[in-house]
Amino acid sequence: MRYEGGCHCGNVRFSVDVDLASPITCNCSYCTQRGSILAFTPAENFTLEKGEESLTEYRFNSKQIQHLFCSACGMESFARGQMPDGAKMVAINVRALEGVDLESLETAQVDGRSR
């Protein structure tokens, strides 16, 4: 399904085709503090509509995921990385999508803390 989303202040806006049938929550130190619900999609399903110049990057641990957040409001609405097979993907913070009933989502817990 196609969604629109972005950061809190509106400087960053995107559209994305993403399946919300199996989003995840992760217990790693970063995700625990952020409280994100994540859904993954191939990079070609993601379009950054505006705000490239507003994005600031943060990488931690293995430094494989490009966590991008708005330099004005601090919201991380998506991250870029690669799947285990090398395919480029985007991790969407489902909380940054418009029109999603978060209460209806069934999330899977991922043990990122042990990785």
C-alpha atoms as a PDB file:
ATOM      1  CA  MET A   1       0.000   0.000   0.000  1.00  0.00           C
ATOM      2  CA  ARG A   2       1.151   3.552  -0.710  1.00  0.00           C
ATOM      3  CA  TYR A   3       1.658   5.908   2.256  1.00  0.00           C
ATOM      4  CA  GLU A   4       2.795   9.468   2.794  1.00  0.00           C
ATOM      5  CA  GLY A   5       4.939  10.380   5.756  1.00  0.00           C
ATOM      6  CA  GLY A   6       7.615  12.620   7.153  1.00  0.00           C
ATOM      7  CA  CYS A   7       9.163  14.241  10.155  1.00  0.00           C
ATOM      8  CA  HIS A   8       7.405  16.212  12.898  1.00  0.00           C
ATOM      9  CA  CYS A   9       8.140  19.700  11.545  1.00  0.00           C
ATOM     10  CA  GLY A  10       7.411  18.834   7.889  1.00  0.00           C
ATOM     11  CA  ASN A  11      10.890  19.581   6.513  1.00  0.00           C
ATOM     12  CA  VAL A  12      11.238  15.921   5.464  1.00  0.00           C
ATOM     13  CA  ARG A  13       8.453  14.344   3.386  1.00  0.00           C
ATOM     14  CA  PHE A  14       8.326  11.015   1.576  1.00  0.00           C
ATOM     15  CA  SER A  15       6.007   8.542  -0.122  1.00  0.00           C
ATOM     16  CA  VAL A  16       6.465   4.799   0.135  1.00  0.00           C
ATOM     17  CA  ASP A  17       4.948   1.493  -0.923  1.00  0.00           C
ATOM     18  CA  VAL A  18       5.281  -0.712   2.135  1.00  0.00           C
ATOM     19  CA  ASP A  19       3.543  -3.773   3.548  1.00  0.00           C
ATOM     20  CA  LEU A  20       2.451  -3.269   7.152  1.00  0.00           C
ATOM     21  CA  ALA A  21       1.421  -6.904   7.647  1.00  0.00           C
ATOM     22  CA  SER A  22       4.524  -7.748   9.704  1.00  0.00           C
ATOM     23  CA  PRO A  23       6.214  -4.690  11.232  1.00  0.00           C
ATOM     24  CA  ILE A  24       8.759  -5.164  13.993  1.00  0.00           C
ATOM     25  CA  THR A  25       9.870  -3.656  17.256  1.00  0.00           C
ATOM     26  CA  CYS A  26      13.486  -4.152  18.286  1.00  0.00           C
ATOM     27  CA  ASN A  27      15.053  -4.280  21.734  1.00  0.00           C
ATOM     28  CA  CYS A  28      18.498  -2.908  20.794  1.00  0.00           C
ATOM     29  CA  SER A  29      19.680   0.123  22.768  1.00  0.00           C
ATOM     30  CA  TYR A  30      18.804   2.558  19.956  1.00  0.00           C
ATOM     31  CA  CYS A  31      15.346   1.224  19.052  1.00  0.00           C
ATOM     32  CA  THR A  32      14.351   0.845  22.699  1.00  0.00           C
ATOM     33  CA  GLN A  33      14.970   4.530  23.359  1.00  0.00           C
ATOM     34  CA  ARG A  34      13.334   5.648  20.094  1.00  0.00           C
ATOM     35  CA  GLY A  35      10.241   3.481  20.396  1.00  0.00           C
ATOM     36  CA  SER A  36       9.907   2.974  16.655  1.00  0.00           C
ATOM     37  CA  ILE A  37       7.769   0.436  14.876  1.00  0.00           C
ATOM     38  CA  LEU A  38       9.656  -0.596  11.737  1.00  0.00           C
ATOM     39  CA  ALA A  39       8.545  -1.878   8.352  1.00  0.00           C
ATOM     40  CA  PHE A  40      11.010  -2.647   5.568  1.00  0.00           C
ATOM     41  CA  THR A  41      10.699  -2.069   1.842  1.00  0.00           C
ATOM     42  CA  PRO A  42      13.006  -2.228  -1.190  1.00  0.00           C
ATOM     43  CA  ALA A  43      14.705   1.116  -1.830  1.00  0.00           C
ATOM     44  CA  GLU A  44      12.923   1.515  -5.166  1.00  0.00           C
ATOM     45  CA  ASN A  45       9.571   1.678  -3.317  1.00  0.00           C
ATOM     46  CA  PHE A  46      10.660   4.827  -1.442  1.00  0.00           C
ATOM     47  CA  THR A  47      10.635   8.403  -2.756  1.00  0.00           C
ATOM     48  CA  LEU A  48      12.023  11.273  -0.716  1.00  0.00           C
ATOM     49  CA  GLU A  49       9.755  14.127  -1.788  1.00  0.00           C
ATOM     50  CA  LYS A  50      11.602  16.884   0.088  1.00  0.00           C
ATOM     51  CA  GLY A  51      14.156  17.467   2.779  1.00  0.00           C
ATOM     52  CA  GLU A  52      17.381  15.769   1.668  1.00  0.00           C
ATOM     53  CA  GLU A  53      19.254  18.868   2.839  1.00  0.00           C
ATOM     54  CA  SER A  54      17.562  18.638   6.271  1.00  0.00           C
ATOM     55  CA  LEU A  55      18.732  15.078   6.959  1.00  0.00           C
ATOM     56  CA  THR A  56      21.499  14.301   9.427  1.00  0.00           C
ATOM     57  CA  GLU A  57      23.033  10.832   9.583  1.00  0.00           C
ATOM     58  CA  TYR A  58      23.773   8.672  12.604  1.00  0.00           C
ATOM     59  CA  ARG A  59      25.424   5.245  12.511  1.00  0.00           C
ATOM     60  CA  PHE A  60      26.198   2.996  15.454  1.00  0.00           C
ATOM     61  CA  ASN A  61      27.378  -0.517  16.300  1.00  0.00           C
ATOM     62  CA  SER A  62      28.230  -2.146  12.935  1.00  0.00           C
ATOM     63  CA  LYS A  63      27.546   1.176  11.159  1.00  0.00           C
ATOM     64  CA  GLN A  64      25.602  -0.655   8.427  1.00  0.00           C
ATOM     65  CA  ILE A  65      22.335   1.290   8.801  1.00  0.00           C
ATOM     66  CA  GLN A  66      22.167   4.940   7.805  1.00  0.00           C
ATOM     67  CA  HIS A  67      19.804   6.364  10.444  1.00  0.00           C
ATOM     68  CA  LEU A  68      18.552   9.664   9.046  1.00  0.00           C
ATOM     69  CA  PHE A  69      16.834  12.278  11.133  1.00  0.00           C
ATOM     70  CA  CYS A  70      15.593  15.811  10.561  1.00  0.00           C
ATOM     71  CA  SER A  71      18.149  18.360  11.728  1.00  0.00           C
ATOM     72  CA  ALA A  72      15.323  20.719  12.782  1.00  0.00           C
ATOM     73  CA  CYS A  73      12.953  18.496  14.803  1.00  0.00           C
ATOM     74  CA  GLY A  74      15.118  15.416  15.421  1.00  0.00           C
ATOM     75  CA  MET A  75      12.570  12.897  14.079  1.00  0.00           C
ATOM     76  CA  GLU A  76      13.899   9.742  12.416  1.00  0.00           C
ATOM     77  CA  SER A  77      11.162   8.794   9.982  1.00  0.00           C
ATOM     78  CA  PHE A  78      13.267   6.334   7.955  1.00  0.00           C
ATOM     79  CA  ALA A  79      16.697   4.723   7.641  1.00  0.00           C
ATOM     80  CA  ARG A  80      18.594   3.281   4.703  1.00  0.00           C
ATOM     81  CA  GLY A  81      20.535   0.042   4.587  1.00  0.00           C
ATOM     82  CA  GLN A  82      20.922  -3.332   2.924  1.00  0.00           C
ATOM     83  CA  MET A  83      19.210  -6.644   3.365  1.00  0.00           C
ATOM     84  CA  PRO A  84      21.400  -9.707   4.107  1.00  0.00           C
ATOM     85  CA  ASP A  85      21.431 -10.487   0.361  1.00  0.00           C
ATOM     86  CA  GLY A  86      22.836  -7.008  -0.410  1.00  0.00           C
ATOM     87  CA  ALA A  87      19.608  -5.529  -1.802  1.00  0.00           C
ATOM     88  CA  LYS A  88      19.115  -1.879  -0.849  1.00  0.00           C
ATOM     89  CA  MET A  89      16.205  -1.307   1.542  1.00  0.00           C
ATOM     90  CA  VAL A  90      14.542   1.433   3.549  1.00  0.00           C
ATOM     91  CA  ALA A  91      13.383   0.919   7.127  1.00  0.00           C
ATOM     92  CA  ILE A  92      10.266   3.008   7.677  1.00  0.00           C
ATOM     93  CA  ASN A  93       9.287   4.285  11.098  1.00  0.00           C
ATOM     94  CA  VAL A  94       5.600   3.352  10.882  1.00  0.00           C
ATOM     95  CA  ARG A  95       4.815   6.030  13.478  1.00  0.00           C
ATOM     96  CA  ALA A  96       5.846   8.617  10.846  1.00  0.00           C
ATOM     97  CA  LEU A  97       3.232   7.431   8.318  1.00  0.00           C
ATOM     98  CA  GLU A  98      -0.080   9.213   7.898  1.00  0.00           C
ATOM     99  CA  GLY A  99      -3.366   7.363   8.316  1.00  0.00           C
ATOM    100  CA  VAL A 100      -2.035   4.220  10.018  1.00  0.00           C
ATOM    101  CA  ASP A 101      -4.036   2.748  12.906  1.00  0.00           C
ATOM    102  CA  LEU A 102      -1.131   1.775  15.160  1.00  0.00           C
ATOM    103  CA  GLU A 103      -3.428  -0.112  17.565  1.00  0.00           C
ATOM    104  CA  SER A 104      -4.393  -2.540  14.799  1.00  0.00           C
ATOM    105  CA  LEU A 105      -0.806  -3.553  14.000  1.00  0.00           C
ATOM    106  CA  GLU A 106       0.565  -6.878  15.170  1.00  0.00           C
ATOM    107  CA  THR A 107       4.292  -6.428  15.611  1.00  0.00           C
ATOM    108  CA  ALA A 108       6.997  -9.043  15.959  1.00  0.00           C
ATOM    109  CA  GLN A 109       9.740  -8.529  18.546  1.00  0.00           C
ATOM    110  CA  VAL A 110      13.310  -8.738  17.216  1.00  0.00           C
ATOM    111  CA  ASP A 111      16.204  -9.376  19.586  1.00  0.00           C
ATOM    112  CA  GLY A 112      18.613  -6.752  18.277  1.00  0.00           C
ATOM    113  CA  ARG A 113      20.279  -6.464  21.690  1.00  0.00           C
ATOM    114  CA  SER A 114      21.936  -9.879  21.259  1.00  0.00           C
ATOM    115  CA  ARG A 115      23.373  -9.169  17.797  1.00  0.00           C
END
